[in-house]
Amino acid sequence: MTIISTLYTSDFSASLYAQLKQIKLLVCDVDGVFSDGRIYLGNQGEELKAFHTRDGYGIKSLAQCGIAVAIITGRKSQLVHARMTALNVDYIIQGEEDKLSALTKLMQTLKLAPEQVASMGDDMPDVGMYQCSAIKIAVQDAHPFVRKQANWVTEINGGFGAVREVTDTFLQVHNKLSGIHGASV
């Protein structure tokens, strides 16, 4: 079996690396993927989350590869909408507990096959997305069951640059990693 090294310490089989080239949509959970999974609540009911700027830069860079980005999250948050809008995320689906159904509908709308979809999650509700995704990504600190379902586990924990690890790998696969410029977001 041929092993291909990536920018990060993960090595991919040649077949998984070839699958990465076919991806047209990266769909991610938010809590535990873009954030560390913790939710901070203030005395007036305000909700706070921390997002890593490296992840933002990576998401914006995926446009160079022709890969659309979607988020599917079970929670609804104006904060998430604002952050994802600032990153030019193509599809923002919030308040959706049945992530398999939401992703299936999105794939039908976009006329995508499972071979063209990668999904990234950290907890049990995200496993549904894996059912119709060729690339199943779990963040390093994902729930053990989710990690076992994945065919790619990031080296980095959710909220600390795991999304950037994924986007950089896609950029590397498309030979665009060194050509990306711009500001962190």
Protein backbone atom coordinates (compact mmCIF):
# COMPACT_ATOMS: atom_id res chain seq x y z
CA MET A 1 0.00 0.00 0.00
CA THR A 2 1.32 3.43 -0.93
CA ILE A 3 1.35 5.99 1.88
CA ILE A 4 1.31 9.71 1.13
CA SER A 5 2.62 12.17 3.69
CA THR A 6 0.75 15.39 4.33
CA LEU A 7 1.74 18.72 5.82
CA TYR A 8 0.54 17.42 9.17
CA THR A 9 1.63 14.17 10.76
CA SER A 10 -1.32 12.21 9.35
CA ASP A 11 -0.39 9.93 6.50
CA PHE A 12 -3.01 8.87 3.97
CA SER A 13 -3.31 5.81 1.81
CA ALA A 14 -3.15 6.57 -1.90
CA SER A 15 -6.85 5.70 -2.23
CA LEU A 16 -7.91 8.13 0.54
CA TYR A 17 -5.69 10.82 -0.97
CA ALA A 18 -7.36 10.24 -4.36
CA GLN A 19 -10.79 10.52 -2.71
CA LEU A 20 -9.81 13.92 -1.31
CA LYS A 21 -9.39 15.23 -4.86
CA GLN A 22 -13.04 14.45 -5.64
CA ILE A 23 -14.54 16.44 -2.75
CA LYS A 24 -16.82 19.34 -3.72
CA LEU A 25 -18.42 19.97 -0.31
CA LEU A 26 -16.97 20.08 3.20
CA VAL A 27 -19.72 20.00 5.82
CA CYS A 28 -18.87 20.65 9.47
CA ASP A 29 -20.50 20.67 12.86
CA VAL A 30 -19.78 23.84 14.85
CA ASP A 31 -19.55 23.09 18.59
CA GLY A 32 -16.53 20.86 19.12
CA VAL A 33 -15.21 21.41 15.59
CA PHE A 34 -14.95 25.17 15.04
CA SER A 35 -15.04 25.72 18.80
CA ASP A 36 -13.69 23.65 21.66
CA GLY A 37 -17.22 22.49 22.43
CA ARG A 38 -17.73 24.64 25.50
CA ILE A 39 -20.51 27.21 25.60
CA TYR A 40 -20.10 30.23 27.83
CA LEU A 41 -23.32 31.80 29.12
CA GLY A 42 -23.35 35.27 30.64
CA ASN A 43 -25.65 36.58 33.39
CA GLN A 44 -27.86 38.29 30.80
CA GLY A 45 -28.20 35.09 28.77
CA GLU A 46 -25.56 35.98 26.19
CA GLU A 47 -23.75 33.08 24.60
CA LEU A 48 -20.04 33.19 23.86
CA LYS A 49 -17.81 30.83 21.89
CA ALA A 50 -14.18 31.06 20.85
CA PHE A 51 -13.30 30.53 17.19
CA HIS A 52 -9.74 30.09 15.96
CA THR A 53 -8.64 32.58 13.29
CA ARG A 54 -6.57 29.89 11.57
CA ASP A 55 -9.75 27.91 10.93
CA GLY A 56 -11.34 31.01 9.42
CA TYR A 57 -8.41 31.57 7.10
CA GLY A 58 -8.57 27.95 6.00
CA ILE A 59 -12.31 28.05 5.28
CA LYS A 60 -11.93 31.17 3.15
CA SER A 61 -9.02 29.53 1.30
CA LEU A 62 -11.08 26.51 0.20
CA ALA A 63 -12.75 28.66 -2.46
CA GLN A 64 -9.43 28.39 -4.35
CA CYS A 65 -10.08 24.65 -4.71
CA GLY A 66 -13.72 24.93 -5.73
CA ILE A 67 -14.85 23.29 -2.49
CA ALA A 68 -18.06 24.66 -0.98
CA VAL A 69 -18.47 24.73 2.80
CA ALA A 70 -21.58 24.02 4.86
CA ILE A 71 -22.24 23.90 8.55
CA ILE A 72 -24.97 21.77 10.05
CA THR A 73 -25.52 22.29 13.75
CA GLY A 74 -28.24 21.30 16.19
CA ARG A 75 -28.12 24.64 18.00
CA LYS A 76 -29.28 28.03 16.74
CA SER A 77 -27.07 31.00 17.41
CA GLN A 78 -26.80 34.48 15.95
CA LEU A 79 -23.14 34.35 16.91
CA VAL A 80 -22.59 31.29 14.69
CA HIS A 81 -24.51 32.89 11.82
CA ALA A 82 -22.38 36.03 12.04
CA ARG A 83 -19.11 34.07 12.17
CA MET A 84 -19.98 31.77 9.29
CA THR A 85 -21.27 34.66 7.19
CA ALA A 86 -17.97 36.49 7.77
CA LEU A 87 -16.15 33.38 6.50
CA ASN A 88 -18.32 33.22 3.36
CA VAL A 89 -19.64 29.78 4.34
CA ASP A 90 -21.93 28.78 1.50
CA TYR A 91 -24.61 26.93 3.48
CA ILE A 92 -25.51 27.67 7.11
CA ILE A 93 -27.99 25.16 8.54
CA GLN A 94 -28.80 25.66 12.22
CA GLY A 95 -31.28 24.09 14.61
CA GLU A 96 -31.15 20.78 12.74
CA GLU A 97 -30.93 17.75 15.00
CA ASP A 98 -31.28 15.24 12.16
CA LYS A 99 -28.00 15.96 10.42
CA LEU A 100 -28.32 13.04 8.02
CA SER A 101 -31.60 14.41 6.69
CA ALA A 102 -30.21 17.95 6.44
CA LEU A 103 -27.13 16.79 4.56
CA THR A 104 -29.15 14.53 2.27
CA LYS A 105 -31.40 17.47 1.31
CA LEU A 106 -28.39 19.70 0.71
CA MET A 107 -26.73 17.05 -1.46
CA GLN A 108 -29.92 16.68 -3.50
CA THR A 109 -30.11 20.44 -3.99
CA LEU A 110 -26.46 20.61 -5.06
CA LYS A 111 -26.69 17.36 -7.07
CA LEU A 112 -23.74 15.83 -5.23
CA ALA A 113 -22.92 12.16 -4.74
CA PRO A 114 -21.41 10.83 -1.49
CA GLU A 115 -18.01 10.58 -3.24
CA GLN A 116 -18.02 14.39 -3.45
CA VAL A 117 -18.74 15.04 0.24
CA ALA A 118 -16.53 15.22 3.32
CA SER A 119 -18.06 15.68 6.76
CA MET A 120 -16.37 16.71 9.98
CA GLY A 121 -17.70 16.14 13.48
CA ASP A 122 -16.92 15.43 17.10
CA ASP A 123 -19.95 13.83 18.74
CA MET A 124 -22.75 11.31 18.23
CA PRO A 125 -25.17 13.61 16.34
CA ASP A 126 -22.51 14.03 13.64
CA VAL A 127 -22.30 10.33 12.78
CA GLY A 128 -25.43 10.65 10.64
CA MET A 129 -23.50 12.88 8.24
CA TYR A 130 -20.92 10.12 7.81
CA GLN A 131 -23.56 7.88 6.21
CA CYS A 132 -23.55 9.95 3.03
CA SER A 133 -19.93 11.15 3.00
CA ALA A 134 -16.91 9.56 1.38
CA ILE A 135 -14.55 11.31 3.78
CA LYS A 136 -15.53 11.03 7.44
CA ILE A 137 -13.44 13.33 9.61
CA ALA A 138 -13.32 13.34 13.41
CA VAL A 139 -11.40 15.92 15.41
CA GLN A 140 -8.66 14.55 17.68
CA ASP A 141 -10.74 14.96 20.85
CA ALA A 142 -13.95 13.56 19.36
CA HIS A 143 -16.08 11.04 21.23
CA PRO A 144 -14.44 7.58 20.93
CA PHE A 145 -17.38 6.14 18.96
CA VAL A 146 -17.13 8.99 16.44
CA ARG A 147 -13.38 8.48 16.08
CA LYS A 148 -13.96 4.79 15.27
CA GLN A 149 -16.45 5.70 12.52
CA ALA A 150 -14.06 8.16 10.87
CA ASN A 151 -11.59 7.41 8.11
CA TRP A 152 -9.57 10.51 9.07
CA VAL A 153 -8.88 11.72 12.62
CA THR A 154 -7.20 15.11 12.83
CA GLU A 155 -4.02 15.62 14.80
CA ILE A 156 -5.48 18.79 16.34
CA ASN A 157 -8.39 19.15 18.79
CA GLY A 158 -11.61 20.87 17.83
CA GLY A 159 -11.49 24.64 18.29
CA PHE A 160 -7.69 24.74 18.15
CA GLY A 161 -7.07 24.57 14.41
CA ALA A 162 -8.52 21.16 13.44
CA VAL A 163 -10.54 22.76 10.64
CA ARG A 164 -7.37 24.40 9.34
CA GLU A 165 -5.62 21.02 9.33
CA VAL A 166 -8.38 19.75 7.05
CA THR A 167 -8.46 22.79 4.77
CA ASP A 168 -4.66 22.82 4.44
CA THR A 169 -4.75 19.17 3.43
CA PHE A 170 -7.33 19.91 0.73
CA LEU A 171 -5.17 22.81 -0.48
CA GLN A 172 -2.15 20.49 -0.54
CA VAL A 173 -4.07 17.86 -2.52
CA HIS A 174 -4.99 20.54 -5.11
CA ASN A 175 -1.41 21.95 -5.19
CA LYS A 176 -2.62 25.33 -3.93
CA LEU A 177 -1.23 25.45 -0.40
CA SER A 178 1.69 27.78 -1.13
CA GLY A 179 -0.38 30.10 -3.36
CA ILE A 180 -2.95 31.21 -0.79
CA HIS A 181 -2.67 34.79 0.48
CA GLY A 182 -4.84 37.07 2.57
CA ALA A 183 -5.58 37.98 6.14
CA SER A 184 -6.72 35.73 8.97
CA VAL A 185 -10.36 36.19 9.77
